[in-house]
N, C-alpha and C. Protein backbone atom coordinates (compact mmCIF):
# COMPACT_ATOMS: atom_id res chain seq x y z
N UNK A 1 73.34 139.44 74.43
CA UNK A 1 73.76 139.06 75.76
C UNK A 1 75.27 139.29 75.90
N UNK A 2 75.66 139.91 76.98
CA UNK A 2 77.07 140.16 77.23
C UNK A 2 77.65 138.98 78.03
N UNK A 3 78.79 138.47 77.56
CA UNK A 3 79.43 137.34 78.22
C UNK A 3 80.09 137.79 79.53
N UNK A 4 80.09 136.91 80.51
CA UNK A 4 80.72 137.19 81.80
C UNK A 4 82.24 137.17 81.64
N UNK A 5 82.91 137.82 82.54
CA UNK A 5 84.38 137.80 82.57
C UNK A 5 84.84 136.41 82.97
N UNK A 6 86.01 136.02 82.49
CA UNK A 6 86.57 134.70 82.82
C UNK A 6 86.77 134.58 84.32
N UNK A 7 87.18 135.64 84.96
CA UNK A 7 87.39 135.59 86.42
C UNK A 7 86.08 135.30 87.16
N UNK A 8 84.98 135.87 86.67
CA UNK A 8 83.68 135.61 87.30
C UNK A 8 83.24 134.17 87.06
N UNK A 9 83.45 133.69 85.83
CA UNK A 9 83.09 132.31 85.52
C UNK A 9 83.90 131.35 86.39
N UNK A 10 85.20 131.61 86.52
CA UNK A 10 86.07 130.76 87.33
C UNK A 10 85.56 130.72 88.77
N UNK A 11 85.23 131.86 89.32
CA UNK A 11 84.74 131.94 90.70
C UNK A 11 83.45 131.12 90.87
N UNK A 12 82.53 131.26 89.93
CA UNK A 12 81.26 130.55 90.03
C UNK A 12 81.42 129.04 89.79
N UNK A 13 82.34 128.65 88.92
CA UNK A 13 82.58 127.22 88.69
C UNK A 13 83.11 126.54 89.94
N UNK A 14 83.86 127.26 90.73
CA UNK A 14 84.40 126.69 91.97
C UNK A 14 83.29 126.33 92.95
N UNK A 15 82.14 126.97 92.81
CA UNK A 15 81.00 126.71 93.71
C UNK A 15 80.09 125.58 93.22
N UNK A 16 80.39 125.02 92.07
CA UNK A 16 79.56 123.95 91.51
C UNK A 16 80.04 122.59 92.00
N UNK A 17 79.11 121.66 92.10
CA UNK A 17 79.46 120.29 92.48
C UNK A 17 80.00 119.56 91.24
N UNK A 18 80.59 118.41 91.45
CA UNK A 18 81.12 117.63 90.32
C UNK A 18 80.03 117.27 89.31
N UNK A 19 78.86 116.80 89.77
CA UNK A 19 77.80 116.50 88.79
C UNK A 19 77.33 117.76 88.03
N UNK A 20 77.31 118.89 88.68
CA UNK A 20 76.93 120.13 88.00
C UNK A 20 77.95 120.51 86.94
N UNK A 21 79.23 120.34 87.26
CA UNK A 21 80.29 120.63 86.29
C UNK A 21 80.22 119.67 85.10
N UNK A 22 79.94 118.42 85.38
CA UNK A 22 79.79 117.44 84.31
C UNK A 22 78.63 117.82 83.39
N UNK A 23 77.52 118.21 83.97
CA UNK A 23 76.37 118.64 83.17
C UNK A 23 76.69 119.85 82.31
N UNK A 24 77.42 120.81 82.87
CA UNK A 24 77.80 121.99 82.11
C UNK A 24 78.71 121.62 80.93
N UNK A 25 79.68 120.75 81.17
CA UNK A 25 80.58 120.32 80.09
C UNK A 25 79.82 119.58 78.99
N UNK A 26 78.93 118.70 79.39
CA UNK A 26 78.16 117.96 78.40
C UNK A 26 77.23 118.88 77.61
N UNK A 27 76.68 119.86 78.28
CA UNK A 27 75.82 120.83 77.60
C UNK A 27 76.64 121.62 76.57
N UNK A 28 77.84 122.02 76.95
CA UNK A 28 78.71 122.74 76.00
C UNK A 28 79.05 121.85 74.80
N UNK A 29 79.34 120.58 75.06
CA UNK A 29 79.68 119.66 73.98
C UNK A 29 78.53 119.47 73.00
N UNK A 30 77.31 119.47 73.51
CA UNK A 30 76.14 119.29 72.64
C UNK A 30 75.80 120.57 71.89
N UNK A 31 76.18 121.70 72.44
CA UNK A 31 75.77 122.99 71.89
C UNK A 31 76.47 123.34 70.58
N UNK A 32 77.76 123.06 70.50
CA UNK A 32 78.51 123.47 69.33
C UNK A 32 79.63 122.48 69.04
N UNK A 33 79.85 122.19 67.77
CA UNK A 33 80.87 121.21 67.36
C UNK A 33 82.25 121.62 67.86
N UNK A 34 82.56 122.90 67.80
CA UNK A 34 83.88 123.39 68.23
C UNK A 34 84.11 123.12 69.72
N UNK A 35 83.06 123.24 70.52
CA UNK A 35 83.20 122.95 71.95
C UNK A 35 83.53 121.48 72.17
N UNK A 36 82.86 120.61 71.42
CA UNK A 36 83.12 119.18 71.53
C UNK A 36 84.53 118.86 71.07
N UNK A 37 84.98 119.49 70.02
CA UNK A 37 86.35 119.27 69.55
C UNK A 37 87.37 119.72 70.59
N UNK A 38 87.12 120.86 71.22
CA UNK A 38 88.03 121.35 72.25
C UNK A 38 88.06 120.42 73.46
N UNK A 39 86.89 119.96 73.89
CA UNK A 39 86.86 119.02 75.01
C UNK A 39 87.56 117.71 74.66
N UNK A 40 87.39 117.25 73.44
CA UNK A 40 88.08 116.03 72.98
C UNK A 40 89.59 116.22 73.05
N UNK A 41 90.04 117.36 72.55
CA UNK A 41 91.48 117.65 72.61
C UNK A 41 91.98 117.69 74.06
N UNK A 42 91.28 118.41 74.92
CA UNK A 42 91.72 118.57 76.31
C UNK A 42 91.69 117.25 77.08
N UNK A 43 90.74 116.40 76.77
CA UNK A 43 90.62 115.13 77.49
C UNK A 43 91.56 114.05 76.96
N UNK A 44 91.76 114.01 75.65
CA UNK A 44 92.43 112.85 75.05
C UNK A 44 93.75 113.14 74.34
N UNK A 45 93.98 114.37 73.92
CA UNK A 45 95.12 114.62 73.05
C UNK A 45 96.14 115.62 73.57
N UNK A 46 95.83 116.35 74.61
CA UNK A 46 96.72 117.42 75.08
C UNK A 46 98.07 116.88 75.56
N UNK A 47 98.11 115.65 76.02
CA UNK A 47 99.36 115.09 76.54
C UNK A 47 100.31 114.62 75.44
N UNK A 48 99.82 114.49 74.21
CA UNK A 48 100.67 114.07 73.09
C UNK A 48 100.46 115.06 71.94
N UNK A 49 100.96 116.26 72.13
CA UNK A 49 100.72 117.32 71.17
C UNK A 49 101.34 117.02 69.80
N UNK A 50 102.49 116.37 69.77
CA UNK A 50 103.13 116.05 68.49
C UNK A 50 102.24 115.14 67.65
N UNK A 51 101.64 114.15 68.28
CA UNK A 51 100.72 113.25 67.57
C UNK A 51 99.48 113.99 67.09
N UNK A 52 98.98 114.89 67.92
CA UNK A 52 97.81 115.68 67.54
C UNK A 52 98.13 116.55 66.33
N UNK A 53 99.26 117.21 66.34
CA UNK A 53 99.66 118.06 65.22
C UNK A 53 99.81 117.22 63.95
N UNK A 54 100.40 116.05 64.06
CA UNK A 54 100.55 115.18 62.90
C UNK A 54 99.19 114.76 62.34
N UNK A 55 98.26 114.43 63.22
CA UNK A 55 96.93 114.02 62.74
C UNK A 55 96.21 115.19 62.04
N UNK A 56 96.40 116.40 62.52
CA UNK A 56 95.79 117.57 61.89
C UNK A 56 96.42 117.80 60.51
N UNK A 57 97.73 117.66 60.41
CA UNK A 57 98.40 117.80 59.12
C UNK A 57 97.88 116.79 58.11
N UNK A 58 97.71 115.54 58.56
CA UNK A 58 97.20 114.50 57.67
C UNK A 58 95.77 114.81 57.23
N UNK A 59 94.96 115.31 58.15
CA UNK A 59 93.57 115.64 57.81
C UNK A 59 93.52 116.78 56.80
N UNK A 60 94.35 117.79 56.98
CA UNK A 60 94.39 118.91 56.06
C UNK A 60 94.86 118.45 54.68
N UNK A 61 95.91 117.63 54.64
CA UNK A 61 96.40 117.10 53.37
C UNK A 61 95.32 116.30 52.65
N UNK A 62 94.58 115.49 53.40
CA UNK A 62 93.51 114.69 52.82
C UNK A 62 92.41 115.58 52.24
N UNK A 63 92.05 116.62 52.96
CA UNK A 63 91.01 117.53 52.47
C UNK A 63 91.46 118.29 51.23
N UNK A 64 92.72 118.70 51.20
CA UNK A 64 93.24 119.38 50.02
C UNK A 64 93.26 118.44 48.80
N UNK A 65 93.66 117.20 49.02
CA UNK A 65 93.72 116.28 47.89
C UNK A 65 92.32 115.96 47.38
N UNK A 66 91.33 115.89 48.26
CA UNK A 66 89.94 115.67 47.83
C UNK A 66 89.42 116.85 47.02
N UNK A 67 89.71 118.06 47.49
CA UNK A 67 89.21 119.28 46.80
C UNK A 67 89.90 119.49 45.47
N UNK A 68 91.06 118.93 45.30
CA UNK A 68 91.82 119.08 44.07
C UNK A 68 91.10 118.40 42.91
N UNK A 69 90.35 117.35 43.19
CA UNK A 69 89.68 116.58 42.14
C UNK A 69 88.21 116.98 41.96
N UNK A 70 87.77 117.96 42.69
CA UNK A 70 86.35 118.40 42.55
C UNK A 70 86.19 119.52 41.59
């Protein structure tokens, strides 16, 4: 399947109602973990990017320290 152009998607999203947009977002969140992570970032973390970056650094450090002992 060939993906639609972003401009076409944008045009069609403008024609959707708020409940339809909500359903589309929730469907994306359920479909793939990365989509849910992106929505989480955009909804809750985009306004405090420094804090987000710090939390990612801490998560990476934790994962490296765990793998070091395996």
